[in-house]
Amino acid sequence: FDFAQTTTYQQAQGQIAIGSGGLFGQGFNVSNLLIPVRESDMIFTVIAEDFGFIGSVFVVALYLLLIYRMLKITLRSNNQFYTYISTGFIMMLLFHIFDNIGAVTGLLPLTGIPLPFISQGGSAIISNLIGVGLLLSISYQTSLAEEKSGKVPFKRKKVVLKQIK
């Protein structure tokens, strides 16, 4: 790099790895670059190098789908406390995604925030799973309240399996 004094070794190697992935990637676990601690903060470089631009866009699309579903749960909830909890978790998740991908691509400095649900981070994965559990509970409580009030947005069918003799 021309500006090696302004970027770290890990960030420089990560940008080289992202660029070497190309459109379709080099293949699963075929990388030859030395990126220290790939499994924690720099996991997006591994995805971009192994699966290319297409794989990176797929991961970002999965995150957008997750955020969309969480927003639907938040907007459907009629409890203000549930709305605050889910909005806070969604914003935390968005910040972690933006910060990690921005740091790996060189837009932001490396801060040590792992990529949610993918990076190896002990307390980060626990807090993310707790947040998803809270959102699932909010969705369940909201659907129970809607059924109790008689306002069900769609008709649910019960599946009955016949007993085979």
C-alpha atoms as a PDB file:
ATOM      1  CA  PHE A   1       0.000   0.000   0.000  1.00  0.00           C
ATOM      2  CA  ASP A   2       1.089   3.557  -0.664  1.00  0.00           C
ATOM      3  CA  PHE A   3      -0.267   4.717   2.692  1.00  0.00           C
ATOM      4  CA  ALA A   4       1.155   1.970   4.899  1.00  0.00           C
ATOM      5  CA  GLN A   5       1.827   4.475   7.679  1.00  0.00           C
ATOM      6  CA  THR A   6      -1.875   5.277   8.114  1.00  0.00           C
ATOM      7  CA  THR A   7      -3.305   1.751   8.143  1.00  0.00           C
ATOM      8  CA  THR A   8      -2.563  -1.276  10.262  1.00  0.00           C
ATOM      9  CA  TYR A   9      -1.116  -4.535   8.982  1.00  0.00           C
ATOM     10  CA  GLN A  10      -4.319  -6.396   9.731  1.00  0.00           C
ATOM     11  CA  GLN A  11      -6.481  -3.870   7.907  1.00  0.00           C
ATOM     12  CA  ALA A  12      -4.126  -3.807   4.917  1.00  0.00           C
ATOM     13  CA  GLN A  13      -4.115  -7.600   4.662  1.00  0.00           C
ATOM     14  CA  GLY A  14      -7.896  -7.609   5.007  1.00  0.00           C
ATOM     15  CA  GLN A  15      -8.325  -5.216   2.108  1.00  0.00           C
ATOM     16  CA  ILE A  16      -5.991  -7.318  -0.023  1.00  0.00           C
ATOM     17  CA  ALA A  17      -8.014 -10.420   0.895  1.00  0.00           C
ATOM     18  CA  ILE A  18     -11.302  -8.744  -0.017  1.00  0.00           C
ATOM     19  CA  GLY A  19      -9.861  -7.645  -3.345  1.00  0.00           C
ATOM     20  CA  SER A  20      -8.411 -11.064  -4.110  1.00  0.00           C
ATOM     21  CA  GLY A  21     -11.835 -12.656  -3.673  1.00  0.00           C
ATOM     22  CA  GLY A  22     -13.129 -11.124  -6.881  1.00  0.00           C
ATOM     23  CA  LEU A  23     -16.707 -11.678  -7.941  1.00  0.00           C
ATOM     24  CA  PHE A  24     -17.122 -15.360  -7.058  1.00  0.00           C
ATOM     25  CA  GLY A  25     -14.295 -15.932  -4.563  1.00  0.00           C
ATOM     26  CA  GLN A  26     -11.355 -18.289  -4.444  1.00  0.00           C
ATOM     27  CA  GLY A  27     -13.237 -21.206  -2.934  1.00  0.00           C
ATOM     28  CA  PHE A  28     -13.869 -22.399   0.571  1.00  0.00           C
ATOM     29  CA  ASN A  29     -10.713 -22.302   2.734  1.00  0.00           C
ATOM     30  CA  VAL A  30      -8.327 -21.709  -0.183  1.00  0.00           C
ATOM     31  CA  SER A  31      -6.916 -18.434   1.142  1.00  0.00           C
ATOM     32  CA  ASN A  32      -3.190 -17.865   1.177  1.00  0.00           C
ATOM     33  CA  LEU A  33      -2.953 -14.502   2.939  1.00  0.00           C
ATOM     34  CA  LEU A  34      -1.878 -14.126   6.526  1.00  0.00           C
ATOM     35  CA  ILE A  35      -4.555 -12.231   8.414  1.00  0.00           C
ATOM     36  CA  PRO A  36      -4.057 -12.431  12.157  1.00  0.00           C
ATOM     37  CA  VAL A  37      -7.088 -13.464  14.222  1.00  0.00           C
ATOM     38  CA  ARG A  38      -9.335 -14.089  11.236  1.00  0.00           C
ATOM     39  CA  GLU A  39     -12.093 -15.709  13.260  1.00  0.00           C
ATOM     40  CA  SER A  40     -12.931 -12.698  15.393  1.00  0.00           C
ATOM     41  CA  ASP A  41     -12.971  -9.194  13.920  1.00  0.00           C
ATOM     42  CA  MET A  42     -11.810 -10.005  10.404  1.00  0.00           C
ATOM     43  CA  ILE A  43     -14.289 -12.762   9.563  1.00  0.00           C
ATOM     44  CA  PHE A  44     -15.894 -10.671   6.816  1.00  0.00           C
ATOM     45  CA  THR A  45     -12.571 -10.713   4.940  1.00  0.00           C
ATOM     46  CA  VAL A  46     -12.652 -14.504   5.024  1.00  0.00           C
ATOM     47  CA  ILE A  47     -16.194 -14.480   3.622  1.00  0.00           C
ATOM     48  CA  ALA A  48     -15.234 -11.982   0.910  1.00  0.00           C
ATOM     49  CA  GLU A  49     -12.085 -13.899  -0.011  1.00  0.00           C
ATOM     50  CA  ASP A  50     -13.660 -17.356  -0.030  1.00  0.00           C
ATOM     51  CA  PHE A  51     -17.044 -16.502  -1.562  1.00  0.00           C
ATOM     52  CA  GLY A  52     -16.293 -13.210  -3.327  1.00  0.00           C
ATOM     53  CA  PHE A  53     -18.539 -10.247  -3.856  1.00  0.00           C
ATOM     54  CA  ILE A  54     -21.564 -12.500  -4.326  1.00  0.00           C
ATOM     55  CA  GLY A  55     -21.025 -14.148  -0.937  1.00  0.00           C
ATOM     56  CA  SER A  56     -20.496 -10.784   0.745  1.00  0.00           C
ATOM     57  CA  VAL A  57     -23.700  -9.399  -0.727  1.00  0.00           C
ATOM     58  CA  PHE A  58     -25.513 -12.562   0.375  1.00  0.00           C
ATOM     59  CA  VAL A  59     -24.343 -12.087   3.983  1.00  0.00           C
ATOM     60  CA  VAL A  60     -25.396  -8.422   3.945  1.00  0.00           C
ATOM     61  CA  ALA A  61     -28.764  -9.425   2.434  1.00  0.00           C
ATOM     62  CA  LEU A  62     -29.286 -11.947   5.246  1.00  0.00           C
ATOM     63  CA  TYR A  63     -28.572  -9.218   7.785  1.00  0.00           C
ATOM     64  CA  LEU A  64     -31.050  -6.906   6.044  1.00  0.00           C
ATOM     65  CA  LEU A  65     -33.678  -9.660   6.099  1.00  0.00           C
ATOM     66  CA  LEU A  66     -33.082 -10.197   9.817  1.00  0.00           C
ATOM     67  CA  ILE A  67     -33.373  -6.460  10.510  1.00  0.00           C
ATOM     68  CA  TYR A  68     -36.550  -6.286   8.404  1.00  0.00           C
ATOM     69  CA  ARG A  69     -38.170  -9.113  10.364  1.00  0.00           C
ATOM     70  CA  MET A  70     -37.154  -7.491  13.652  1.00  0.00           C
ATOM     71  CA  LEU A  71     -38.656  -4.181  12.537  1.00  0.00           C
ATOM     72  CA  LYS A  72     -41.918  -5.957  11.674  1.00  0.00           C
ATOM     73  CA  ILE A  73     -42.018  -7.404  15.189  1.00  0.00           C
ATOM     74  CA  THR A  74     -41.313  -3.970  16.655  1.00  0.00           C
ATOM     75  CA  LEU A  75     -44.013  -2.219  14.636  1.00  0.00           C
ATOM     76  CA  ARG A  76     -46.573  -4.941  15.400  1.00  0.00           C
ATOM     77  CA  SER A  77     -46.040  -4.667  19.146  1.00  0.00           C
ATOM     78  CA  ASN A  78     -48.539  -2.553  21.035  1.00  0.00           C
ATOM     79  CA  ASN A  79     -46.493  -2.371  24.247  1.00  0.00           C
ATOM     80  CA  GLN A  80     -44.250   0.676  24.575  1.00  0.00           C
ATOM     81  CA  PHE A  81     -41.692  -1.152  26.732  1.00  0.00           C
ATOM     82  CA  TYR A  82     -41.382  -3.945  24.151  1.00  0.00           C
ATOM     83  CA  THR A  83     -40.898  -1.329  21.452  1.00  0.00           C
ATOM     84  CA  TYR A  84     -38.043   0.289  23.367  1.00  0.00           C
ATOM     85  CA  ILE A  85     -36.306  -3.036  23.975  1.00  0.00           C
ATOM     86  CA  SER A  86     -36.567  -4.182  20.374  1.00  0.00           C
ATOM     87  CA  THR A  87     -35.551  -0.806  18.958  1.00  0.00           C
ATOM     88  CA  GLY A  88     -32.486  -0.738  21.184  1.00  0.00           C
ATOM     89  CA  PHE A  89     -31.439  -4.221  20.128  1.00  0.00           C
ATOM     90  CA  ILE A  90     -31.999  -3.457  16.440  1.00  0.00           C
ATOM     91  CA  MET A  91     -29.878  -0.306  16.697  1.00  0.00           C
ATOM     92  CA  MET A  92     -27.114  -2.204  18.519  1.00  0.00           C
ATOM     93  CA  LEU A  93     -27.138  -4.892  15.842  1.00  0.00           C
ATOM     94  CA  LEU A  94     -27.075  -2.318  13.033  1.00  0.00           C
ATOM     95  CA  PHE A  95     -24.159  -0.510  14.662  1.00  0.00           C
ATOM     96  CA  HIS A  96     -22.172  -3.722  15.064  1.00  0.00           C
ATOM     97  CA  ILE A  97     -22.772  -4.732  11.443  1.00  0.00           C
ATOM     98  CA  PHE A  98     -21.919  -1.276  10.096  1.00  0.00           C
ATOM     99  CA  ASP A  99     -18.857  -0.914  12.311  1.00  0.00           C
ATOM    100  CA  ASN A 100     -17.403  -4.330  11.548  1.00  0.00           C
ATOM    101  CA  ILE A 101     -17.904  -4.221   7.786  1.00  0.00           C
ATOM    102  CA  GLY A 102     -16.754  -0.593   7.704  1.00  0.00           C
ATOM    103  CA  ALA A 103     -13.602  -1.443   9.654  1.00  0.00           C
ATOM    104  CA  VAL A 104     -12.776  -4.436   7.480  1.00  0.00           C
ATOM    105  CA  THR A 105     -13.195  -2.459   4.261  1.00  0.00           C
ATOM    106  CA  GLY A 106     -11.096   0.421   5.577  1.00  0.00           C
ATOM    107  CA  LEU A 107     -13.849   3.007   5.995  1.00  0.00           C
ATOM    108  CA  LEU A 108     -13.577   2.985   9.800  1.00  0.00           C
ATOM    109  CA  PRO A 109     -10.768   2.143  12.210  1.00  0.00           C
ATOM    110  CA  LEU A 110     -10.644  -1.324  13.745  1.00  0.00           C
ATOM    111  CA  THR A 111     -12.473  -1.235  17.060  1.00  0.00           C
ATOM    112  CA  GLY A 112     -12.742  -4.883  18.044  1.00  0.00           C
ATOM    113  CA  ILE A 113     -16.505  -5.181  17.574  1.00  0.00           C
ATOM    114  CA  PRO A 114     -17.310  -8.624  16.145  1.00  0.00           C
ATOM    115  CA  LEU A 115     -19.679  -9.314  13.272  1.00  0.00           C
ATOM    116  CA  PRO A 116     -22.969 -10.439  14.875  1.00  0.00           C
ATOM    117  CA  PHE A 117     -23.705 -14.184  14.827  1.00  0.00           C
ATOM    118  CA  ILE A 118     -20.617 -14.951  12.710  1.00  0.00           C
ATOM    119  CA  SER A 119     -17.498 -13.773  14.536  1.00  0.00           C
ATOM    120  CA  GLN A 120     -15.994 -15.601  17.455  1.00  0.00           C
ATOM    121  CA  GLY A 121     -16.841 -13.433  20.415  1.00  0.00           C
ATOM    122  CA  GLY A 122     -17.965 -14.916  23.707  1.00  0.00           C
ATOM    123  CA  SER A 123     -20.018 -12.166  25.295  1.00  0.00           C
ATOM    124  CA  ALA A 124     -21.082 -10.706  21.940  1.00  0.00           C
ATOM    125  CA  ILE A 125     -22.764 -13.895  20.769  1.00  0.00           C
ATOM    126  CA  ILE A 126     -24.458 -14.318  24.146  1.00  0.00           C
ATOM    127  CA  SER A 127     -25.879 -10.779  24.054  1.00  0.00           C
ATOM    128  CA  ASN A 128     -27.011 -11.220  20.439  1.00  0.00           C
ATOM    129  CA  LEU A 129     -28.783 -14.473  21.254  1.00  0.00           C
ATOM    130  CA  ILE A 130     -30.431 -12.878  24.297  1.00  0.00           C
ATOM    131  CA  GLY A 131     -31.647 -10.041  22.064  1.00  0.00           C
ATOM    132  CA  VAL A 132     -33.089 -12.456  19.506  1.00  0.00           C
ATOM    133  CA  GLY A 133     -34.746 -14.390  22.317  1.00  0.00           C
ATOM    134  CA  LEU A 134     -36.314 -11.193  23.625  1.00  0.00           C
ATOM    135  CA  LEU A 135     -37.617 -10.348  20.158  1.00  0.00           C
ATOM    136  CA  LEU A 136     -39.080 -13.835  19.765  1.00  0.00           C
ATOM    137  CA  SER A 137     -40.767 -13.446  23.143  1.00  0.00           C
ATOM    138  CA  ILE A 138     -42.116 -10.039  22.120  1.00  0.00           C
ATOM    139  CA  SER A 139     -43.504 -11.552  18.923  1.00  0.00           C
ATOM    140  CA  TYR A 140     -45.137 -14.385  20.861  1.00  0.00           C
ATOM    141  CA  GLN A 141     -46.635 -12.058  23.490  1.00  0.00           C
ATOM    142  CA  THR A 142     -47.970  -9.755  20.766  1.00  0.00           C
ATOM    143  CA  SER A 143     -49.598 -12.641  18.904  1.00  0.00           C
ATOM    144  CA  LEU A 144     -51.171 -13.889  22.154  1.00  0.00           C
ATOM    145  CA  ALA A 145     -52.575 -10.422  22.849  1.00  0.00           C
ATOM    146  CA  GLU A 146     -53.943 -10.213  19.300  1.00  0.00           C
ATOM    147  CA  GLU A 147     -55.621 -13.607  19.596  1.00  0.00           C
ATOM    148  CA  LYS A 148     -57.109 -12.673  22.967  1.00  0.00           C
ATOM    149  CA  SER A 149     -58.582  -9.464  21.589  1.00  0.00           C
ATOM    150  CA  GLY A 150     -59.889 -11.255  18.499  1.00  0.00           C
ATOM    151  CA  LYS A 151     -57.659  -9.325  16.132  1.00  0.00           C
ATOM    152  CA  VAL A 152     -55.657 -11.956  14.260  1.00  0.00           C
ATOM    153  CA  PRO A 153     -53.887 -10.627  11.150  1.00  0.00           C
ATOM    154  CA  PHE A 154     -54.038 -13.953   9.312  1.00  0.00           C
ATOM    155  CA  LYS A 155     -55.935 -17.181   9.655  1.00  0.00           C
ATOM    156  CA  ARG A 156     -53.984 -19.973  11.266  1.00  0.00           C
ATOM    157  CA  LYS A 157     -54.664 -23.563  10.395  1.00  0.00           C
ATOM    158  CA  LYS A 158     -54.145 -26.396  12.799  1.00  0.00           C
ATOM    159  CA  VAL A 159     -52.346 -29.392  11.399  1.00  0.00           C
ATOM    160  CA  VAL A 160     -53.800 -32.679  12.578  1.00  0.00           C
ATOM    161  CA  LEU A 161     -51.901 -35.860  11.920  1.00  0.00           C
ATOM    162  CA  LYS A 162     -53.936 -39.020  11.629  1.00  0.00           C
ATOM    163  CA  GLN A 163     -52.911 -41.886  13.805  1.00  0.00           C
ATOM    164  CA  ILE A 164     -51.814 -44.868  11.767  1.00  0.00           C
ATOM    165  CA  LYS A 165     -52.963 -48.232  13.111  1.00  0.00           C
END
